[in-house]
Amino acid sequence: MKRRIIEVDYTEIGGFEASGLLTSEQVADYVRETIPTSHLEQCPNIQYEPDNPEFVSYPYGLAFFDPETHEIKVGPAERFGLIAPEQEMIDTVTHEIGHNAHQNLIEHRLEIAAKWADLYERSKNGENDFVSRYASTNEYEDFAESYMTYVRDPGLLQFVSPEKYALMRDFIFAGREYPPREVGRE
């Protein structure tokens, strides 16, 4: 199968045809239509790479973001859920783009990164307003999970943490809000 690469802004998206779940064109269309292009800054590629050695040492990982290169690698299709694996793959791509957006904050907008770190610490020290158990593991996963939830299920983030929702809306997405997810629909 020919490896298809689609460019969104300056980010190459490719290899997804091999997943059997989504095509590179579908992922690129989603990113183009949904994610602000500034959130892709410094991210050279989003690749479906199930044979990447990282996935051998990380046997349950769905994807990973490299903070040094800003590359996003998506893992084996069989690791995605049985009920809606395509949706889980899109959620995962969104989560990893959230890591890129967070890394760019850390590198260029320290005051906003510090606000996020404060929200995370408050959550960890009693408020417990995490959108998922995984979000509670560290500040980086909290940001990426909250980012993904802001885009994919904004009502959940607004319910769980109005402060995290407001920070995402005001500082990360420049006022852009997403429609609530309809029950039973993508």
Protein backbone atom coordinates (compact mmCIF):
# COMPACT_ATOMS: atom_id res chain seq x y z
CA MET A 1 0.00 0.00 0.00
CA LYS A 2 1.36 3.40 -0.97
CA ARG A 3 2.11 5.65 2.01
CA ARG A 4 0.03 8.79 1.60
CA ILE A 5 1.24 12.05 3.14
CA ILE A 6 -1.02 15.06 3.43
CA GLU A 7 0.26 18.46 4.50
CA VAL A 8 -1.71 20.64 6.90
CA ASP A 9 0.04 23.96 7.23
CA TYR A 10 3.62 22.66 7.66
CA THR A 11 2.72 19.39 9.37
CA GLU A 12 2.85 16.16 7.38
CA ILE A 13 0.14 13.62 8.21
CA GLY A 14 0.71 10.14 6.89
CA GLY A 15 0.58 6.38 7.12
CA PHE A 16 -2.97 6.15 8.47
CA GLU A 17 -4.22 4.00 5.58
CA ALA A 18 -2.25 1.12 7.11
CA SER A 19 -4.35 1.41 10.29
CA GLY A 20 -7.48 0.16 8.56
CA LEU A 21 -9.40 2.67 10.72
CA LEU A 22 -8.83 6.06 9.11
CA THR A 23 -7.03 7.42 6.08
CA SER A 24 -4.43 10.15 6.20
CA GLU A 25 -6.90 12.34 4.31
CA GLN A 26 -9.56 11.82 7.00
CA VAL A 27 -7.11 12.70 9.77
CA ALA A 28 -5.85 15.73 7.82
CA ASP A 29 -9.42 16.91 7.15
CA TYR A 30 -10.26 16.59 10.84
CA VAL A 31 -7.14 18.52 11.89
CA ARG A 32 -7.68 21.18 9.22
CA GLU A 33 -11.35 21.69 10.15
CA THR A 34 -11.03 21.41 13.93
CA ILE A 35 -7.62 22.40 15.29
CA PRO A 36 -6.23 25.95 15.13
CA THR A 37 -3.19 25.90 12.84
CA SER A 38 -1.11 27.64 15.52
CA HIS A 39 -1.42 24.46 17.61
CA LEU A 40 0.58 22.62 14.95
CA GLU A 41 3.54 25.02 15.16
CA GLN A 42 6.85 23.16 15.35
CA CYS A 43 5.09 19.81 14.80
CA PRO A 44 6.72 18.39 11.65
CA ASN A 45 4.55 15.30 11.42
CA ILE A 46 1.71 13.19 12.73
CA GLN A 47 2.39 9.64 11.60
CA TYR A 48 0.74 6.28 12.02
CA GLU A 49 3.81 4.20 12.98
CA PRO A 50 2.73 0.95 14.66
CA ASP A 51 6.22 -0.58 14.30
CA ASN A 52 7.97 2.28 16.09
CA PRO A 53 10.22 0.85 18.85
CA GLU A 54 8.53 3.13 21.43
CA PHE A 55 5.42 0.96 21.20
CA VAL A 56 7.40 -2.16 22.10
CA SER A 57 8.64 -0.60 25.34
CA TYR A 58 5.25 1.07 25.91
CA PRO A 59 2.91 -1.92 25.32
CA TYR A 60 -0.35 -0.13 26.16
CA GLY A 61 0.48 3.25 24.64
CA LEU A 62 -1.76 4.54 21.87
CA ALA A 63 0.55 7.32 20.71
CA PHE A 64 3.39 9.52 21.87
CA PHE A 65 4.61 13.07 21.49
CA ASP A 66 8.34 13.80 21.49
CA PRO A 67 8.87 17.14 23.28
CA GLU A 68 12.27 17.64 21.63
CA THR A 69 11.26 17.07 18.00
CA HIS A 70 7.51 17.82 18.44
CA GLU A 71 6.74 14.69 16.39
CA ILE A 72 3.56 12.70 17.01
CA LYS A 73 3.55 8.95 16.44
CA VAL A 74 0.34 6.92 16.57
CA GLY A 75 0.54 3.27 17.53
CA PRO A 76 -1.02 -0.01 16.45
CA ALA A 77 -4.70 0.05 15.44
CA GLU A 78 -5.47 -3.03 17.54
CA ARG A 79 -4.81 -0.99 20.69
CA PHE A 80 -7.77 1.26 20.00
CA GLY A 81 -11.19 0.40 21.44
CA LEU A 82 -13.58 -2.19 20.09
CA ILE A 83 -16.69 0.00 20.13
CA ALA A 84 -15.51 3.16 18.35
CA PRO A 85 -11.83 2.76 17.41
CA GLU A 86 -11.96 5.52 14.78
CA GLN A 87 -13.25 7.98 17.38
CA GLU A 88 -10.62 6.86 19.87
CA MET A 89 -7.89 7.36 17.26
CA ILE A 90 -9.15 10.92 16.57
CA ASP A 91 -9.34 11.57 20.33
CA THR A 92 -5.75 10.34 20.64
CA VAL A 93 -4.48 12.53 17.78
CA THR A 94 -6.22 15.50 19.44
CA HIS A 95 -4.63 14.61 22.81
CA GLU A 96 -1.16 14.47 21.21
CA ILE A 97 -1.70 17.81 19.46
CA GLY A 98 -2.57 19.09 22.94
CA HIS A 99 0.91 18.02 24.07
CA ASN A 100 2.38 20.06 21.21
CA ALA A 101 0.30 23.11 22.15
CA HIS A 102 1.41 22.71 25.79
CA GLN A 103 5.08 22.34 24.84
CA ASN A 104 4.81 25.54 22.78
CA LEU A 105 3.34 27.30 25.84
CA ILE A 106 6.22 26.11 28.00
CA GLU A 107 8.69 27.34 25.40
CA HIS A 108 7.04 30.67 24.50
CA ARG A 109 4.27 31.69 26.92
CA LEU A 110 5.51 30.95 30.39
CA GLU A 111 2.83 32.99 32.18
CA ILE A 112 0.05 30.83 30.72
CA ALA A 113 2.02 27.64 31.35
CA ALA A 114 2.35 28.78 34.97
CA LYS A 115 -1.42 29.36 35.20
CA TRP A 116 -1.98 25.81 33.97
CA ALA A 117 0.58 24.43 36.44
CA ASP A 118 -1.29 26.22 39.25
CA LEU A 119 -4.63 24.73 38.14
CA TYR A 120 -3.05 21.28 38.02
CA GLU A 121 -1.58 21.65 41.53
CA ARG A 122 -4.94 22.76 42.90
CA SER A 123 -6.61 19.78 41.24
CA LYS A 124 -4.00 17.42 42.65
CA ASN A 125 -4.26 18.90 46.14
CA GLY A 126 -7.92 18.42 46.73
CA GLU A 127 -10.15 19.82 44.03
CA ASN A 128 -9.84 16.59 42.00
CA ASP A 129 -11.28 18.20 38.88
CA PHE A 130 -9.64 15.94 36.31
CA VAL A 131 -11.48 14.88 33.15
CA SER A 132 -9.99 11.38 33.40
CA ARG A 133 -7.91 9.24 35.69
CA TYR A 134 -5.03 9.56 33.21
CA ALA A 135 -5.20 13.36 33.50
CA SER A 136 -4.35 13.07 37.19
CA THR A 137 -0.98 11.41 36.49
CA ASN A 138 0.88 14.68 35.80
CA GLU A 139 0.55 18.26 34.58
CA TYR A 140 1.33 17.33 30.95
CA GLU A 141 -1.32 14.62 30.74
CA ASP A 142 -3.82 16.88 32.52
CA PHE A 143 -3.27 19.54 29.86
CA ALA A 144 -3.48 17.09 26.93
CA GLU A 145 -6.58 15.33 28.31
CA SER A 146 -8.26 18.66 29.06
CA TYR A 147 -7.31 19.94 25.59
CA MET A 148 -8.82 16.86 23.95
CA THR A 149 -11.95 17.15 26.08
CA TYR A 150 -12.30 20.87 25.30
CA VAL A 151 -12.39 20.01 21.59
CA ARG A 152 -14.22 16.68 21.63
CA ASP A 153 -16.58 16.93 24.64
CA PRO A 154 -16.52 20.54 25.89
CA GLY A 155 -19.52 20.10 28.18
CA LEU A 156 -17.59 17.54 30.22
CA LEU A 157 -14.63 19.88 30.77
CA GLN A 158 -16.95 22.77 31.61
CA PHE A 159 -18.75 20.56 34.15
CA VAL A 160 -15.62 19.05 35.72
CA SER A 161 -13.54 22.24 35.82
CA PRO A 162 -14.98 25.61 34.78
CA GLU A 163 -11.55 27.16 35.46
CA LYS A 164 -9.70 24.79 33.11
CA TYR A 165 -12.43 25.30 30.52
CA ALA A 166 -12.04 29.10 30.79
CA LEU A 167 -8.24 28.90 30.49
CA MET A 168 -8.55 26.73 27.39
CA ARG A 169 -11.16 29.05 25.87
CA ASP A 170 -9.45 32.34 26.69
CA PHE A 171 -5.75 31.56 26.31
CA ILE A 172 -5.36 28.39 24.23
CA PHE A 173 -8.23 28.66 21.74
CA ALA A 174 -8.48 32.49 21.62
CA GLY A 175 -12.21 32.44 22.38
CA ARG A 176 -13.13 29.62 20.00
CA GLU A 177 -15.64 27.21 21.50
CA TYR A 178 -16.78 23.84 20.18
CA PRO A 179 -20.33 22.52 20.09
CA PRO A 180 -21.33 19.99 22.73
CA ARG A 181 -21.09 16.34 21.74
CA GLU A 182 -24.45 14.83 20.95
CA VAL A 183 -25.22 11.61 22.79
CA GLY A 184 -24.78 8.66 20.47
CA ARG A 185 -23.13 10.72 17.70
CA GLU A 186 -19.58 11.58 16.75
